[in-house]
N, C-alpha and C. Protein backbone atom coordinates (compact mmCIF):
# COMPACT_ATOMS: atom_id res chain seq x y z
N MET A 1 5.70 12.10 -9.59
CA MET A 1 6.05 12.67 -8.31
C MET A 1 7.44 13.32 -8.37
N MET A 2 8.36 12.69 -9.07
CA MET A 2 9.71 13.25 -9.15
C MET A 2 9.68 14.66 -9.73
N GLU A 3 8.87 14.87 -10.76
CA GLU A 3 8.78 16.20 -11.38
C GLU A 3 8.13 17.20 -10.43
N VAL A 4 7.17 16.79 -9.65
CA VAL A 4 6.55 17.68 -8.65
C VAL A 4 7.61 18.10 -7.64
N ILE A 5 8.40 17.14 -7.19
CA ILE A 5 9.47 17.44 -6.23
C ILE A 5 10.44 18.45 -6.83
N ARG A 6 10.83 18.23 -8.07
CA ARG A 6 11.74 19.18 -8.75
C ARG A 6 11.09 20.55 -8.93
N ASP A 7 9.81 20.56 -9.35
CA ASP A 7 9.11 21.82 -9.57
C ASP A 7 9.07 22.68 -8.31
N TRP A 8 9.02 22.04 -7.15
CA TRP A 8 8.99 22.77 -5.88
C TRP A 8 10.41 23.16 -5.43
N GLY A 9 11.42 22.81 -6.21
CA GLY A 9 12.79 23.20 -5.89
C GLY A 9 13.39 22.41 -4.75
N LEU A 10 12.83 21.25 -4.45
CA LEU A 10 13.38 20.43 -3.37
C LEU A 10 14.64 19.72 -3.86
N PRO A 11 15.56 19.43 -2.95
CA PRO A 11 16.90 18.95 -3.32
C PRO A 11 16.97 17.45 -3.63
N ILE A 12 16.37 17.04 -4.74
CA ILE A 12 16.39 15.62 -5.12
C ILE A 12 17.43 15.40 -6.22
N LYS A 13 18.20 14.34 -6.11
CA LYS A 13 19.21 14.04 -7.12
C LYS A 13 18.56 13.63 -8.44
N ALA A 14 17.80 12.56 -8.43
CA ALA A 14 17.11 12.07 -9.63
C ALA A 14 18.04 12.08 -10.84
N GLU A 15 19.17 11.42 -10.71
CA GLU A 15 20.25 11.48 -11.70
C GLU A 15 19.88 10.95 -13.08
N CYS A 16 18.99 9.95 -13.16
CA CYS A 16 18.66 9.39 -14.48
C CYS A 16 17.50 10.13 -15.14
N GLY A 17 16.94 11.11 -14.46
CA GLY A 17 15.88 11.91 -15.04
C GLY A 17 14.54 11.22 -15.17
N GLY A 18 14.35 10.14 -14.44
CA GLY A 18 13.06 9.47 -14.46
C GLY A 18 12.98 8.23 -15.30
N ALA A 19 14.13 7.68 -15.69
CA ALA A 19 14.17 6.51 -16.55
C ALA A 19 14.15 5.18 -15.78
N CYS A 20 14.02 5.25 -14.46
CA CYS A 20 14.05 4.05 -13.60
C CYS A 20 15.36 3.29 -13.80
N ALA A 21 16.46 4.06 -13.91
CA ALA A 21 17.77 3.47 -14.13
C ALA A 21 18.72 3.70 -12.96
N CYS A 22 18.21 4.27 -11.88
CA CYS A 22 19.00 4.49 -10.67
C CYS A 22 18.02 4.51 -9.51
N ALA A 23 18.50 4.79 -8.33
CA ALA A 23 17.59 4.87 -7.18
C ALA A 23 17.78 6.20 -6.47
N THR A 24 18.21 7.23 -7.20
CA THR A 24 18.50 8.52 -6.57
C THR A 24 17.27 9.41 -6.44
N CYS A 25 16.09 8.85 -6.67
CA CYS A 25 14.84 9.56 -6.38
C CYS A 25 14.02 8.77 -5.38
N HIS A 26 14.70 7.96 -4.59
CA HIS A 26 14.08 7.10 -3.58
C HIS A 26 13.35 7.96 -2.55
N VAL A 27 12.09 7.61 -2.30
CA VAL A 27 11.29 8.29 -1.28
C VAL A 27 10.63 7.25 -0.39
N TRP A 28 10.23 7.69 0.79
CA TRP A 28 9.40 6.89 1.67
C TRP A 28 8.00 7.48 1.62
N VAL A 29 7.03 6.66 1.27
CA VAL A 29 5.64 7.08 1.18
C VAL A 29 5.02 7.02 2.58
N ALA A 30 4.24 8.04 2.93
CA ALA A 30 3.55 8.02 4.22
C ALA A 30 2.65 6.79 4.29
N GLU A 31 2.65 6.15 5.43
CA GLU A 31 1.94 4.88 5.62
C GLU A 31 0.49 4.92 5.12
N GLU A 32 -0.20 6.01 5.37
CA GLU A 32 -1.62 6.08 4.99
C GLU A 32 -1.84 6.14 3.47
N TRP A 33 -0.76 6.31 2.70
CA TRP A 33 -0.87 6.38 1.25
C TRP A 33 -0.41 5.10 0.54
N VAL A 34 0.31 4.25 1.22
CA VAL A 34 0.93 3.08 0.59
C VAL A 34 -0.07 2.24 -0.19
N ASP A 35 -1.20 1.93 0.40
CA ASP A 35 -2.17 1.04 -0.25
C ASP A 35 -2.96 1.72 -1.36
N LYS A 36 -2.81 3.02 -1.51
CA LYS A 36 -3.50 3.76 -2.57
C LYS A 36 -2.69 3.82 -3.86
N LEU A 37 -1.44 3.39 -3.80
CA LEU A 37 -0.54 3.46 -4.95
C LEU A 37 -0.61 2.18 -5.78
N VAL A 38 -0.34 2.32 -7.06
CA VAL A 38 -0.17 1.16 -7.92
C VAL A 38 1.09 0.43 -7.42
N PRO A 39 1.06 -0.88 -7.30
CA PRO A 39 2.25 -1.60 -6.82
C PRO A 39 3.46 -1.36 -7.72
N PRO A 40 4.66 -1.44 -7.14
CA PRO A 40 5.87 -1.24 -7.95
C PRO A 40 6.04 -2.35 -8.99
N THR A 41 6.63 -1.98 -10.10
CA THR A 41 6.95 -2.96 -11.14
C THR A 41 8.19 -3.74 -10.70
N ASP A 42 8.46 -4.83 -11.39
CA ASP A 42 9.67 -5.60 -11.10
C ASP A 42 10.91 -4.74 -11.32
N GLU A 43 10.88 -3.89 -12.34
CA GLU A 43 12.01 -3.00 -12.64
C GLU A 43 12.27 -2.04 -11.48
N GLU A 44 11.21 -1.45 -10.94
CA GLU A 44 11.36 -0.54 -9.80
C GLU A 44 11.90 -1.29 -8.58
N THR A 45 11.37 -2.46 -8.33
CA THR A 45 11.83 -3.27 -7.19
C THR A 45 13.31 -3.60 -7.32
N GLU A 46 13.75 -3.93 -8.52
CA GLU A 46 15.18 -4.20 -8.75
C GLU A 46 16.03 -2.98 -8.46
N MET A 47 15.59 -1.80 -8.89
CA MET A 47 16.35 -0.58 -8.62
C MET A 47 16.41 -0.30 -7.12
N LEU A 48 15.31 -0.53 -6.42
CA LEU A 48 15.29 -0.31 -4.97
C LEU A 48 16.22 -1.28 -4.23
N ASP A 49 16.48 -2.45 -4.83
CA ASP A 49 17.40 -3.40 -4.22
C ASP A 49 18.79 -2.80 -4.05
N GLY A 50 19.14 -1.81 -4.88
CA GLY A 50 20.45 -1.17 -4.79
C GLY A 50 20.45 0.10 -3.96
N ALA A 51 19.32 0.46 -3.41
CA ALA A 51 19.21 1.70 -2.62
C ALA A 51 19.55 1.42 -1.15
N PHE A 52 19.84 2.48 -0.43
CA PHE A 52 20.09 2.40 1.00
C PHE A 52 18.80 2.72 1.75
N SER A 53 18.71 2.32 2.99
CA SER A 53 17.60 2.67 3.87
C SER A 53 16.23 2.31 3.29
N VAL A 54 16.15 1.18 2.63
CA VAL A 54 14.89 0.76 2.01
C VAL A 54 13.94 0.23 3.08
N ASP A 55 12.73 0.72 3.03
CA ASP A 55 11.64 0.23 3.87
C ASP A 55 10.80 -0.67 2.97
N ASP A 56 10.70 -1.93 3.29
CA ASP A 56 10.02 -2.89 2.41
C ASP A 56 8.61 -2.49 2.04
N ARG A 57 7.95 -1.74 2.86
CA ARG A 57 6.56 -1.34 2.58
C ARG A 57 6.47 0.06 1.98
N ARG A 58 7.27 1.00 2.46
CA ARG A 58 7.07 2.41 2.11
C ARG A 58 8.01 2.96 1.04
N SER A 59 9.09 2.27 0.71
CA SER A 59 10.06 2.78 -0.26
C SER A 59 9.52 2.68 -1.68
N ARG A 60 9.68 3.78 -2.40
CA ARG A 60 9.31 3.82 -3.82
C ARG A 60 10.29 4.74 -4.54
N LEU A 61 10.36 4.63 -5.85
CA LEU A 61 11.10 5.58 -6.66
C LEU A 61 10.10 6.64 -7.09
N SER A 62 10.38 7.89 -6.79
CA SER A 62 9.41 8.94 -7.09
C SER A 62 9.15 9.07 -8.59
N CYS A 63 10.12 8.67 -9.41
CA CYS A 63 9.92 8.75 -10.87
C CYS A 63 8.87 7.75 -11.36
N GLN A 64 8.55 6.77 -10.53
CA GLN A 64 7.58 5.75 -10.92
C GLN A 64 6.19 6.00 -10.33
N LEU A 65 6.06 7.06 -9.55
CA LEU A 65 4.77 7.41 -8.96
C LEU A 65 4.10 8.45 -9.84
N LEU A 66 3.14 8.00 -10.64
CA LEU A 66 2.44 8.90 -11.55
C LEU A 66 1.30 9.58 -10.80
N MET A 67 1.32 10.90 -10.82
CA MET A 67 0.33 11.66 -10.09
C MET A 67 -1.02 11.63 -10.81
N THR A 68 -2.06 11.42 -10.04
CA THR A 68 -3.43 11.42 -10.52
C THR A 68 -4.25 12.22 -9.51
N PRO A 69 -5.46 12.63 -9.88
CA PRO A 69 -6.30 13.36 -8.91
C PRO A 69 -6.50 12.58 -7.61
N GLU A 70 -6.53 11.26 -7.68
CA GLU A 70 -6.72 10.45 -6.49
C GLU A 70 -5.54 10.54 -5.52
N LEU A 71 -4.39 10.96 -6.03
CA LEU A 71 -3.20 11.07 -5.19
C LEU A 71 -2.95 12.49 -4.70
N ASP A 72 -3.92 13.38 -4.91
CA ASP A 72 -3.78 14.75 -4.41
C ASP A 72 -3.57 14.70 -2.90
N GLY A 73 -2.49 15.29 -2.43
CA GLY A 73 -2.16 15.29 -1.02
C GLY A 73 -1.16 14.22 -0.62
N LEU A 74 -0.69 13.42 -1.59
CA LEU A 74 0.29 12.37 -1.31
C LEU A 74 1.47 12.93 -0.53
N VAL A 75 1.85 12.22 0.51
CA VAL A 75 2.96 12.65 1.36
C VAL A 75 4.12 11.67 1.20
N VAL A 76 5.29 12.21 0.85
CA VAL A 76 6.51 11.41 0.75
C VAL A 76 7.64 12.14 1.45
N GLU A 77 8.64 11.39 1.82
CA GLU A 77 9.86 11.95 2.42
C GLU A 77 11.03 11.48 1.58
N LEU A 78 11.93 12.40 1.23
CA LEU A 78 13.11 12.02 0.47
C LEU A 78 14.04 11.18 1.34
N ALA A 79 14.44 10.03 0.83
CA ALA A 79 15.42 9.21 1.53
C ALA A 79 16.76 9.95 1.50
N PRO A 80 17.60 9.78 2.52
CA PRO A 80 18.85 10.55 2.60
C PRO A 80 19.73 10.48 1.36
N GLU A 81 19.82 9.31 0.72
CA GLU A 81 20.70 9.21 -0.45
C GLU A 81 20.12 9.90 -1.68
N SER A 82 18.88 10.33 -1.60
CA SER A 82 18.25 11.03 -2.72
C SER A 82 18.45 12.53 -2.66
N LEU A 83 18.97 13.02 -1.56
CA LEU A 83 19.18 14.46 -1.40
C LEU A 83 20.44 14.91 -2.12
N THR A 84 20.35 16.07 -2.76
CA THR A 84 21.54 16.64 -3.36
C THR A 84 22.49 17.07 -2.25
N ASP A 85 23.71 17.35 -2.61
CA ASP A 85 24.71 17.74 -1.61
C ASP A 85 24.43 19.10 -1.00
N ILE A 86 23.76 19.97 -1.74
CA ILE A 86 23.48 21.33 -1.26
C ILE A 86 22.02 21.38 -0.86
N VAL A 87 21.79 21.55 0.44
CA VAL A 87 20.44 21.63 0.96
C VAL A 87 20.34 22.91 1.77
N ASP A 88 19.39 23.79 1.39
CA ASP A 88 19.16 24.95 2.25
C ASP A 88 17.82 24.77 2.94
N SER A 89 17.59 25.52 3.99
CA SER A 89 16.41 25.28 4.83
C SER A 89 15.10 25.52 4.08
N THR A 90 15.05 26.46 3.14
CA THR A 90 13.80 26.70 2.43
C THR A 90 13.52 25.59 1.44
N ALA A 91 14.54 25.05 0.79
CA ALA A 91 14.34 23.95 -0.15
C ALA A 91 13.93 22.68 0.58
N ALA A 92 14.53 22.44 1.72
CA ALA A 92 14.25 21.22 2.46
C ALA A 92 12.81 21.16 2.97
N THR A 93 12.21 22.31 3.21
CA THR A 93 10.86 22.32 3.74
C THR A 93 9.81 22.65 2.70
N GLY A 94 10.24 23.11 1.53
CA GLY A 94 9.29 23.48 0.49
C GLY A 94 8.64 24.82 0.75
N THR A 95 9.21 25.62 1.63
CA THR A 95 8.65 26.93 1.93
C THR A 95 9.39 28.00 1.14
N SER A 96 8.83 29.17 1.10
CA SER A 96 9.47 30.25 0.36
C SER A 96 9.76 31.42 1.30
N GLY A 97 10.84 31.29 2.04
CA GLY A 97 11.37 32.31 2.90
C GLY A 97 10.44 33.01 3.71
């Protein structure tokens, strides 16, 4: 999921590049998708312990969400601490002007 977010040019920090070594790709998963995901590993849960605005049910690290055909349409929201400092309106919405 982190790579999809980057590919769309959305303003995600993702400082460790997907190594599950930080929480700067923290997202909130839409409620209707939570039970369709593989549960977080202990390593992911530990990283989320250091994140801000964690929702015990919906918070995940986008680098740990592996996209599959079953997850087509997955909806996530970037947690505030995962946003880069520079956000423009087209990047924030995923639209192209």
